[in-house]
C-alpha atoms as a PDB file:
ATOM      1  CA  UNK A   1      26.207  48.934  22.641  1.00  0.00           C
ATOM      2  CA  UNK A   2      26.210  50.134  19.860  1.00  0.00           C
ATOM      3  CA  UNK A   3      28.222  53.083  18.806  1.00  0.00           C
ATOM      4  CA  UNK A   4      29.225  55.804  16.070  1.00  0.00           C
ATOM      5  CA  UNK A   5      33.141  55.212  14.882  1.00  0.00           C
ATOM      6  CA  UNK A   6      33.434  57.953  12.398  1.00  0.00           C
ATOM      7  CA  UNK A   7      30.945  59.721   9.597  1.00  0.00           C
ATOM      8  CA  UNK A   8      30.568  56.784   7.629  1.00  0.00           C
ATOM      9  CA  UNK A   9      31.149  53.466  10.201  1.00  0.00           C
ATOM     10  CA  UNK A  10      28.808  51.860  13.087  1.00  0.00           C
ATOM     11  CA  UNK A  11      29.669  49.124  15.086  1.00  0.00           C
ATOM     12  CA  UNK A  12      27.745  47.525  17.361  1.00  0.00           C
ATOM     13  CA  UNK A  13      29.380  44.288  19.380  1.00  0.00           C
ATOM     14  CA  UNK A  14      27.420  41.519  20.385  1.00  0.00           C
ATOM     15  CA  UNK A  15      27.153  38.242  21.500  1.00  0.00           C
ATOM     16  CA  UNK A  16      25.442  35.069  20.074  1.00  0.00           C
ATOM     17  CA  UNK A  17      21.707  34.942  20.632  1.00  0.00           C
ATOM     18  CA  UNK A  18      19.909  32.370  23.475  1.00  0.00           C
ATOM     19  CA  UNK A  19      16.040  31.878  23.682  1.00  0.00           C
ATOM     20  CA  UNK A  20      15.726  35.093  25.570  1.00  0.00           C
ATOM     21  CA  UNK A  21      17.901  37.489  23.609  1.00  0.00           C
ATOM     22  CA  UNK A  22      17.620  39.096  19.871  1.00  0.00           C
ATOM     23  CA  UNK A  23      18.157  37.010  17.449  1.00  0.00           C
ATOM     24  CA  UNK A  24      21.317  38.143  14.690  1.00  0.00           C
ATOM     25  CA  UNK A  25      18.850  39.509  12.483  1.00  0.00           C
ATOM     26  CA  UNK A  26      17.143  41.926  15.198  1.00  0.00           C
ATOM     27  CA  UNK A  27      20.325  43.032  16.206  1.00  0.00           C
ATOM     28  CA  UNK A  28      20.893  44.502  12.414  1.00  0.00           C
ATOM     29  CA  UNK A  29      17.442  45.708  12.102  1.00  0.00           C
ATOM     30  CA  UNK A  30      18.498  47.913  15.791  1.00  0.00           C
ATOM     31  CA  UNK A  31      21.732  49.058  14.315  1.00  0.00           C
ATOM     32  CA  UNK A  32      20.239  50.060  11.242  1.00  0.00           C
ATOM     33  CA  UNK A  33      17.222  51.685  12.606  1.00  0.00           C
ATOM     34  CA  UNK A  34      19.828  53.896  14.842  1.00  0.00           C
ATOM     35  CA  UNK A  35      21.786  54.443  12.421  1.00  0.00           C
ATOM     36  CA  UNK A  36      18.382  55.804  10.207  1.00  0.00           C
ATOM     37  CA  UNK A  37      17.423  57.150  13.510  1.00  0.00           C
ATOM     38  CA  UNK A  38      13.609  55.597  12.702  1.00  0.00           C
ATOM     39  CA  UNK A  39      11.467  52.897  13.837  1.00  0.00           C
ATOM     40  CA  UNK A  40      12.388  49.125  12.898  1.00  0.00           C
ATOM     41  CA  UNK A  41       8.980  48.727  11.404  1.00  0.00           C
ATOM     42  CA  UNK A  42       9.866  51.101   8.976  1.00  0.00           C
ATOM     43  CA  UNK A  43      12.995  49.618   7.340  1.00  0.00           C
ATOM     44  CA  UNK A  44      12.388  47.155   4.180  1.00  0.00           C
ATOM     45  CA  UNK A  45      12.116  43.416   4.788  1.00  0.00           C
ATOM     46  CA  UNK A  46      15.344  42.010   5.431  1.00  0.00           C
ATOM     47  CA  UNK A  47      13.894  38.644   3.660  1.00  0.00           C
ATOM     48  CA  UNK A  48      14.550  40.229   0.845  1.00  0.00           C
ATOM     49  CA  UNK A  49      17.649  40.320   0.828  1.00  0.00           C
ATOM     50  CA  UNK A  50      19.039  37.003   2.961  1.00  0.00           C
ATOM     51  CA  UNK A  51      17.340  33.806   4.367  1.00  0.00           C
ATOM     52  CA  UNK A  52      16.844  34.433   8.143  1.00  0.00           C
ATOM     53  CA  UNK A  53      17.220  30.933   9.497  1.00  0.00           C
ATOM     54  CA  UNK A  54      20.296  31.431   7.596  1.00  0.00           C
ATOM     55  CA  UNK A  55      21.531  34.340   8.774  1.00  0.00           C
ATOM     56  CA  UNK A  56      20.844  32.877  12.243  1.00  0.00           C
ATOM     57  CA  UNK A  57      22.630  30.055  11.831  1.00  0.00           C
ATOM     58  CA  UNK A  58      26.147  31.996  11.551  1.00  0.00           C
ATOM     59  CA  UNK A  59      27.141  31.542  14.908  1.00  0.00           C
ATOM     60  CA  UNK A  60      25.978  27.733  15.034  1.00  0.00           C
ATOM     61  CA  UNK A  61      27.775  26.886  11.439  1.00  0.00           C
ATOM     62  CA  UNK A  62      31.780  28.570  12.939  1.00  0.00           C
ATOM     63  CA  UNK A  63      31.524  26.903  16.132  1.00  0.00           C
ATOM     64  CA  UNK A  64      35.504  26.186  15.183  1.00  0.00           C
ATOM     65  CA  UNK A  65      36.643  29.101  13.290  1.00  0.00           C
ATOM     66  CA  UNK A  66      35.798  32.584  12.361  1.00  0.00           C
ATOM     67  CA  UNK A  67      33.223  33.118   9.506  1.00  0.00           C
ATOM     68  CA  UNK A  68      31.288  36.366   8.274  1.00  0.00           C
ATOM     69  CA  UNK A  69      29.202  37.635   6.017  1.00  0.00           C
ATOM     70  CA  UNK A  70      28.312  41.244   3.778  1.00  0.00           C
ATOM     71  CA  UNK A  71      25.191  41.739   2.771  1.00  0.00           C
ATOM     72  CA  UNK A  72      23.847  44.702   1.160  1.00  0.00           C
ATOM     73  CA  UNK A  73      20.592  46.486   2.966  1.00  0.00           C
ATOM     74  CA  UNK A  74      18.242  49.540   3.454  1.00  0.00           C
ATOM     75  CA  UNK A  75      21.650  51.788   2.031  1.00  0.00           C
ATOM     76  CA  UNK A  76      24.310  49.668   4.333  1.00  0.00           C
ATOM     77  CA  UNK A  77      27.503  47.732   3.569  1.00  0.00           C
ATOM     78  CA  UNK A  78      26.162  45.470   6.588  1.00  0.00           C
ATOM     79  CA  UNK A  79      28.735  42.722   7.594  1.00  0.00           C
ATOM     80  CA  UNK A  80      28.954  40.504  10.455  1.00  0.00           C
ATOM     81  CA  UNK A  81      31.679  38.171  11.843  1.00  0.00           C
ATOM     82  CA  UNK A  82      30.703  35.092  14.118  1.00  0.00           C
ATOM     83  CA  UNK A  83      30.256  35.963  17.604  1.00  0.00           C
ATOM     84  CA  UNK A  84      31.748  39.115  17.388  1.00  0.00           C
ATOM     85  CA  UNK A  85      31.040  42.153  15.385  1.00  0.00           C
ATOM     86  CA  UNK A  86      28.435  43.910  13.111  1.00  0.00           C
ATOM     87  CA  UNK A  87      29.908  47.056  11.007  1.00  0.00           C
ATOM     88  CA  UNK A  88      27.418  49.461   9.119  1.00  0.00           C
ATOM     89  CA  UNK A  89      28.914  50.966   6.180  1.00  0.00           C
ATOM     90  CA  UNK A  90      27.126  53.710   4.395  1.00  0.00           C
ATOM     91  CA  UNK A  91      26.330  52.718   0.810  1.00  0.00           C
ATOM     92  CA  UNK A  92      27.610  55.320  -2.048  1.00  0.00           C
ATOM     93  CA  UNK A  93      23.848  57.078  -3.617  1.00  0.00           C
ATOM     94  CA  UNK A  94      24.871  55.563  -7.095  1.00  0.00           C
ATOM     95  CA  UNK A  95      25.196  51.757  -5.735  1.00  0.00           C
END
């Protein structure tokens, strides 16, 4: 479920992907598309920002602990936590 927390943050609860569910990359694309009110196909390619395989391995690489990462994508700071949440924070115009 994706929801707007306030005028500058968007949060989504996510679950680790299974074969029939969307990958972490797809979840991020969906969240950003919702935040920007645009189809995911109109967003810039994520592979320019991060290796999709490395991103999708976040949950499996952190089975015994909590891992997180932040990437800058499509005007947002995208904060991802293993097995948990995705936060989108709009970046300042000068960045």
